[in-house]
Amino acid sequence: MSIKLIDLTKDLVSSKVSPEDFESRFFKLWRDEGNSGVLAKDSKEISGCLYEIFDLAERYTSDPDRSSIEIDEKTLKKEAEVTLRKFKFI
């Protein structure tokens, strides 16, 4: 199970990790778990949650000159929390 990715997202929401640290750690874990086959074993709920969080992480940028599809730190944390709640991980 990719519970490490869920836990990392919880750490983002509770401000235990910075958005920049979250972004780099999330993509590294995603890649590692994808290569090892862990992601393929996840339940439908975990997969759905992680794909939404992946999208948020991809759209996050700290650059204040962001495009309309990119999101800032506040939005990343807010939407990550909404996603975790939607899938009942918090």
N, C-alpha and C. Protein backbone atom coordinates (compact mmCIF):
# COMPACT_ATOMS: atom_id res chain seq x y z
N MET A 1 0.83 -1.20 0.00
CA MET A 1 0.00 0.00 0.00
C MET A 1 0.87 1.25 0.00
N SER A 2 0.38 2.26 -0.60
CA SER A 2 1.10 3.53 -0.71
C SER A 2 0.76 4.46 0.44
N ILE A 3 0.66 3.91 1.62
CA ILE A 3 0.30 4.71 2.78
C ILE A 3 1.35 5.78 3.09
N LYS A 4 2.61 5.54 2.67
CA LYS A 4 3.66 6.55 2.86
C LYS A 4 3.30 7.84 2.14
N LEU A 5 2.72 7.73 0.96
CA LEU A 5 2.32 8.91 0.20
C LEU A 5 1.16 9.63 0.88
N ILE A 6 0.23 8.86 1.44
CA ILE A 6 -0.89 9.45 2.18
C ILE A 6 -0.35 10.16 3.42
N ASP A 7 0.56 9.49 4.14
CA ASP A 7 1.14 10.09 5.35
C ASP A 7 1.92 11.36 5.03
N LEU A 8 2.65 11.36 3.93
CA LEU A 8 3.38 12.55 3.52
C LEU A 8 2.42 13.70 3.23
N THR A 9 1.30 13.40 2.62
CA THR A 9 0.29 14.43 2.34
C THR A 9 -0.31 14.95 3.64
N LYS A 10 -0.54 14.08 4.60
CA LYS A 10 -1.02 14.52 5.91
C LYS A 10 0.00 15.46 6.56
N ASP A 11 1.29 15.15 6.40
CA ASP A 11 2.33 16.03 6.93
C ASP A 11 2.31 17.40 6.26
N LEU A 12 2.02 17.44 4.98
CA LEU A 12 1.88 18.72 4.28
C LEU A 12 0.73 19.52 4.88
N VAL A 13 -0.42 18.88 5.01
CA VAL A 13 -1.62 19.55 5.50
C VAL A 13 -1.41 20.09 6.92
N SER A 14 -0.68 19.35 7.74
CA SER A 14 -0.43 19.78 9.12
C SER A 14 0.83 20.62 9.26
N SER A 15 1.41 21.04 8.13
CA SER A 15 2.59 21.91 8.08
C SER A 15 3.84 21.29 8.70
N LYS A 16 3.93 19.97 8.68
CA LYS A 16 5.14 19.29 9.17
C LYS A 16 6.22 19.25 8.10
N VAL A 17 5.83 19.41 6.84
CA VAL A 17 6.78 19.51 5.73
C VAL A 17 6.38 20.71 4.87
N SER A 18 7.37 21.33 4.27
CA SER A 18 7.10 22.47 3.38
C SER A 18 6.54 21.95 2.06
N PRO A 19 5.84 22.81 1.33
CA PRO A 19 5.33 22.40 0.02
C PRO A 19 6.45 21.95 -0.93
N GLU A 20 7.59 22.61 -0.87
CA GLU A 20 8.70 22.25 -1.73
C GLU A 20 9.23 20.86 -1.38
N ASP A 21 9.38 20.60 -0.06
CA ASP A 21 9.84 19.29 0.39
C ASP A 21 8.80 18.22 0.05
N PHE A 22 7.54 18.55 0.25
CA PHE A 22 6.46 17.63 -0.10
C PHE A 22 6.54 17.25 -1.57
N GLU A 23 6.66 18.25 -2.41
CA GLU A 23 6.67 18.01 -3.86
C GLU A 23 7.81 17.07 -4.26
N SER A 24 9.02 17.34 -3.80
CA SER A 24 10.16 16.50 -4.19
C SER A 24 10.05 15.10 -3.59
N ARG A 25 9.65 15.00 -2.33
CA ARG A 25 9.51 13.69 -1.69
C ARG A 25 8.36 12.89 -2.29
N PHE A 26 7.25 13.56 -2.61
CA PHE A 26 6.09 12.88 -3.19
C PHE A 26 6.47 12.23 -4.52
N PHE A 27 7.11 12.98 -5.40
CA PHE A 27 7.44 12.44 -6.71
C PHE A 27 8.50 11.34 -6.63
N LYS A 28 9.44 11.47 -5.69
CA LYS A 28 10.43 10.41 -5.51
C LYS A 28 9.75 9.13 -5.02
N LEU A 29 8.89 9.25 -4.00
CA LEU A 29 8.17 8.08 -3.49
C LEU A 29 7.27 7.47 -4.57
N TRP A 30 6.59 8.33 -5.32
CA TRP A 30 5.70 7.87 -6.39
C TRP A 30 6.50 7.03 -7.40
N ARG A 31 7.63 7.56 -7.80
CA ARG A 31 8.48 6.87 -8.78
C ARG A 31 8.99 5.54 -8.20
N ASP A 32 9.48 5.58 -6.95
CA ASP A 32 9.99 4.37 -6.31
C ASP A 32 8.89 3.31 -6.17
N GLU A 33 7.71 3.73 -5.72
CA GLU A 33 6.62 2.77 -5.53
C GLU A 33 6.06 2.28 -6.87
N GLY A 34 6.11 3.13 -7.87
CA GLY A 34 5.69 2.69 -9.20
C GLY A 34 6.65 1.66 -9.77
N ASN A 35 7.95 1.91 -9.62
CA ASN A 35 8.95 0.98 -10.13
C ASN A 35 8.94 -0.36 -9.40
N SER A 36 8.61 -0.34 -8.12
CA SER A 36 8.60 -1.58 -7.33
C SER A 36 7.28 -2.34 -7.44
N GLY A 37 6.28 -1.72 -8.04
CA GLY A 37 4.98 -2.38 -8.19
C GLY A 37 4.01 -2.13 -7.05
N VAL A 38 4.42 -1.34 -6.07
CA VAL A 38 3.56 -1.07 -4.91
C VAL A 38 2.29 -0.33 -5.32
N LEU A 39 2.43 0.67 -6.19
CA LEU A 39 1.26 1.46 -6.60
C LEU A 39 0.19 0.59 -7.25
N ALA A 40 0.61 -0.42 -7.98
CA ALA A 40 -0.34 -1.29 -8.68
C ALA A 40 -1.17 -2.14 -7.72
N LYS A 41 -0.72 -2.27 -6.49
CA LYS A 41 -1.42 -3.11 -5.50
C LYS A 41 -2.40 -2.33 -4.65
N ASP A 42 -2.46 -1.01 -4.84
CA ASP A 42 -3.31 -0.17 -4.00
C ASP A 42 -4.79 -0.40 -4.25
N SER A 43 -5.58 -0.16 -3.21
CA SER A 43 -7.03 -0.23 -3.34
C SER A 43 -7.52 0.90 -4.24
N LYS A 44 -8.75 0.78 -4.68
CA LYS A 44 -9.35 1.81 -5.53
C LYS A 44 -9.36 3.16 -4.81
N GLU A 45 -9.64 3.15 -3.50
CA GLU A 45 -9.70 4.39 -2.72
C GLU A 45 -8.32 5.06 -2.65
N ILE A 46 -7.29 4.27 -2.34
CA ILE A 46 -5.94 4.84 -2.26
C ILE A 46 -5.51 5.35 -3.62
N SER A 47 -5.74 4.58 -4.67
CA SER A 47 -5.35 5.01 -6.02
C SER A 47 -6.05 6.30 -6.42
N GLY A 48 -7.34 6.38 -6.17
CA GLY A 48 -8.09 7.59 -6.51
C GLY A 48 -7.58 8.80 -5.77
N CYS A 49 -7.33 8.62 -4.49
CA CYS A 49 -6.81 9.72 -3.66
C CYS A 49 -5.44 10.16 -4.16
N LEU A 50 -4.56 9.20 -4.41
CA LEU A 50 -3.20 9.54 -4.83
C LEU A 50 -3.15 10.18 -6.21
N TYR A 51 -4.02 9.79 -7.11
CA TYR A 51 -4.03 10.43 -8.42
C TYR A 51 -4.46 11.89 -8.32
N GLU A 52 -5.40 12.17 -7.42
CA GLU A 52 -5.80 13.57 -7.21
C GLU A 52 -4.67 14.37 -6.57
N ILE A 53 -3.98 13.77 -5.61
CA ILE A 53 -2.86 14.45 -4.95
C ILE A 53 -1.71 14.64 -5.94
N PHE A 54 -1.47 13.65 -6.79
CA PHE A 54 -0.44 13.76 -7.83
C PHE A 54 -0.72 14.99 -8.70
N ASP A 55 -1.96 15.15 -9.11
CA ASP A 55 -2.34 16.30 -9.93
C ASP A 55 -2.07 17.61 -9.20
N LEU A 56 -2.40 17.66 -7.92
CA LEU A 56 -2.14 18.87 -7.13
C LEU A 56 -0.64 19.15 -7.06
N ALA A 57 0.15 18.11 -6.78
CA ALA A 57 1.60 18.28 -6.68
C ALA A 57 2.19 18.76 -8.00
N GLU A 58 1.68 18.24 -9.10
CA GLU A 58 2.15 18.67 -10.42
C GLU A 58 1.82 20.13 -10.71
N ARG A 59 0.70 20.58 -10.22
CA ARG A 59 0.25 21.95 -10.49
C ARG A 59 0.84 22.97 -9.52
N TYR A 60 1.44 22.52 -8.42
CA TYR A 60 2.00 23.43 -7.43
C TYR A 60 3.25 24.12 -7.97
N THR A 61 3.36 25.42 -7.68
CA THR A 61 4.59 26.17 -7.93
C THR A 61 4.71 27.28 -6.90
N SER A 62 5.93 27.53 -6.47
CA SER A 62 6.16 28.63 -5.53
C SER A 62 6.36 29.96 -6.27
N ASP A 63 6.49 29.89 -7.58
CA ASP A 63 6.69 31.09 -8.40
C ASP A 63 5.42 31.94 -8.38
N PRO A 64 5.52 33.20 -7.91
CA PRO A 64 4.33 34.05 -7.86
C PRO A 64 3.78 34.39 -9.25
N ASP A 65 4.58 34.19 -10.29
CA ASP A 65 4.16 34.46 -11.66
C ASP A 65 3.66 33.16 -12.30
N ARG A 66 2.63 32.55 -11.67
CA ARG A 66 2.15 31.24 -12.12
C ARG A 66 1.06 31.38 -13.17
N SER A 67 0.87 30.32 -13.92
CA SER A 67 -0.20 30.30 -14.92
C SER A 67 -1.53 30.01 -14.24
N SER A 68 -2.59 30.07 -15.00
CA SER A 68 -3.93 29.89 -14.43
C SER A 68 -4.18 28.47 -13.91
N ILE A 69 -3.46 27.49 -14.41
CA ILE A 69 -3.67 26.11 -13.92
C ILE A 69 -2.75 25.76 -12.76
N GLU A 70 -1.73 26.57 -12.51
CA GLU A 70 -0.82 26.31 -11.40
C GLU A 70 -1.42 26.83 -10.10
N ILE A 71 -1.00 26.21 -8.98
CA ILE A 71 -1.55 26.58 -7.68
C ILE A 71 -0.44 26.97 -6.71
N ASP A 72 -0.81 27.78 -5.73
CA ASP A 72 0.14 28.23 -4.72
C ASP A 72 0.09 27.31 -3.49
N GLU A 73 0.92 27.63 -2.50
CA GLU A 73 1.02 26.82 -1.28
C GLU A 73 -0.32 26.69 -0.55
N LYS A 74 -1.00 27.80 -0.40
CA LYS A 74 -2.28 27.80 0.32
C LYS A 74 -3.29 26.87 -0.36
N THR A 75 -3.38 26.97 -1.67
CA THR A 75 -4.32 26.14 -2.42
C THR A 75 -3.90 24.67 -2.39
N LEU A 76 -2.61 24.41 -2.50
CA LEU A 76 -2.11 23.03 -2.43
C LEU A 76 -2.53 22.38 -1.12
N LYS A 77 -2.27 23.06 -0.01
CA LYS A 77 -2.60 22.50 1.30
C LYS A 77 -4.11 22.33 1.48
N LYS A 78 -4.86 23.32 1.05
CA LYS A 78 -6.32 23.27 1.19
C LYS A 78 -6.90 22.12 0.36
N GLU A 79 -6.49 22.03 -0.89
CA GLU A 79 -7.02 20.99 -1.77
C GLU A 79 -6.53 19.59 -1.38
N ALA A 80 -5.32 19.51 -0.85
CA ALA A 80 -4.82 18.21 -0.36
C ALA A 80 -5.67 17.75 0.82
N GLU A 81 -6.02 18.67 1.70
CA GLU A 81 -6.87 18.32 2.84
C GLU A 81 -8.26 17.89 2.36
N VAL A 82 -8.82 18.62 1.41
CA VAL A 82 -10.13 18.26 0.86
C VAL A 82 -10.08 16.84 0.27
N THR A 83 -9.02 16.54 -0.45
CA THR A 83 -8.87 15.22 -1.06
C THR A 83 -8.75 14.13 0.00
N LEU A 84 -7.93 14.36 1.02
CA LEU A 84 -7.79 13.37 2.09
C LEU A 84 -9.12 13.12 2.79
N ARG A 85 -9.88 14.18 3.01
CA ARG A 85 -11.20 14.03 3.65
C ARG A 85 -12.17 13.29 2.73
N LYS A 86 -12.15 13.63 1.46
CA LYS A 86 -13.04 12.99 0.49
C LYS A 86 -12.88 11.47 0.49
N PHE A 87 -11.62 11.03 0.61
CA PHE A 87 -11.34 9.59 0.60
C PHE A 87 -11.23 9.00 2.01
N LYS A 88 -11.60 9.82 3.01
CA LYS A 88 -11.67 9.40 4.41
C LYS A 88 -10.33 8.96 4.99
N PHE A 89 -9.26 9.69 4.62
CA PHE A 89 -7.95 9.43 5.21
C PHE A 89 -7.66 10.37 6.37
N ILE A 90 -8.52 11.37 6.55
CA ILE A 90 -8.49 12.21 7.75
C ILE A 90 -9.92 12.52 8.14
